[in-house]
Amino acid sequence: MRQLLADKVSGNLVGLWLLIPEHLRLGTWDLLCGWSGQPAGRVEPRLALQLIHEAALCTSGVRQQRVLSQRGFELANGLPFVASDVAMHCLLGEHTVAEAQRLQVALGRIRRASGDYVGKLLAIDPHRIQSYSKRQMRRYRDDQRSRPFKVAQTFFVLDPDTHQPVCFTTATSARTATTAAIELLQLAADILAPQPGQTLVLADLEHQSAELFDHVQLHTPFDLLTPMKNQRSLQKQLRAVPPEQFTRRWAGFATAKLPYKMVRSAVDPIFQFAQRTGERPGDYRFGAFLSTTDRDEVEALTLDYPKRWHVEEFFNAHQALGWDRAGTMNLNIRYGQMTMALIAQAALHRLRRLLGEPYSEWDAGHLGKSLLAGLEGDVRVSEDTIVVTYYNAPNVARLREHYEGLPDRLCAEHIDPHIPWLYGFKLDFRFR
């Protein structure tokens, strides 16, 4: 690696070096050393860093055919080569799902301390990827009209106020949304450590089950809010509610708060938030939500629950990091790879926040192609500092403001500017 730096490297993947200061601020290296169980001098943490950078670039396919080498990519990982698929498979296969979960918890606590989460609301949602595995497995379908298909399931927790992921779990297609949500909420509680009643969890129809409501009430500090299925029995029940029990909030909208007992529930009755739209009795339309706690139903229905749709926006913007494909059904490998993508998203979020618009508005694929893999430059060493020079970079004034004189900037933030996976070198940038 020192010889490559001495010879200088020229390529168009040098934009990836912009992530290194964010790794130092995030503590990525310590997280990877802890996950791999290896000291800083070993190759395993550097292989994991390659996975993170592959995710940031939104790459896919066979590594040997990506032509990632000889363009500055491997140097950013502290390696003189691009690791093969076999090496990555062996690395991920040696680490369990539990180890990846502990890595998620450690990352989430760092992000919580950094202010990436508000913690007032959480949204949980499944993200199902079609699988072409030859294995025999349970099929899934979106509706009654579509044919069932094999899926690789992933379930995310998102803070809808900041649009940032808290944690995720992945599983075979046989896992139900209820069992996945129970595991997710335990991970989220370990990360956020909320006080009882502090955080409201927003879920969809799949999570309306007595098992999940009982678990939330008995074993978690969270509150839960889900919509009710718009069935004929629900419409009949709501139309039977006396009109005086509804409170008119504004023109065409009224609400009522009613006690509700779920079938097969072992705990006290919960609360049904009924809503009625329309001004005349003949035009009334009804809907309802279930809540584990007595809260302001107007705020919950009109302000809080609509934020759950930020989960879909998150998937659309960031799934290219590695959450839109399922290369294997080995859960150790999938969990490890997707957790590395979670670290990549955290570093990219810090980079977006630093650079502002237009970078903050780009989705992961656009950012990877136009910034990380779109800047032309070279990498060389000068005494104890690796110098990355960019030529004809866009918005150069904004980049120069945050990256020139980087060692001094990091020292001012009380961060050691020596990069451990780059053998103690410092890093600086030039723009020409």
Foldseek 3Di string as FASTA:
>chain_A
DQVPQAVWAWAQLQLLLVLQVLCLVLVLLVLLCQLQVHDLVDCLSLLLVLLLSCLLLLDDDFPVPPPPPRHCSSVSSLHNDNDGPVVLCVSLVVGFLVSLLVSLLVSLQSCVVVVLAPQAEKEKDKDKAFDPDPDDADFDDDDPVDDTGFTWIKMWIARLVNLATSDIATAGPPDAPQVRVLVVQVSNCSRNVDAAPRYEYEYEASNPDLVNLQCCVPPHSYKYKYWYDPDPVVVVVVVPPDPVQWDDDDAFKTWHKDWADDPPHPDGTWIKIKMWGDDDPVPIDIIIMTIRDDDDSVCCVPPNNVSNCSVVVSCVQRCSSPVRDDPDNPRSSNSSSVSSSSVSVSSQCVVCVQLDPPSVVHGSNCCSVCRSSNWTWMWHDDVQEIETETEPDPPVVSVCVQFAVVCVVCVVVVGHQQRSSNPGGGYGYHYD
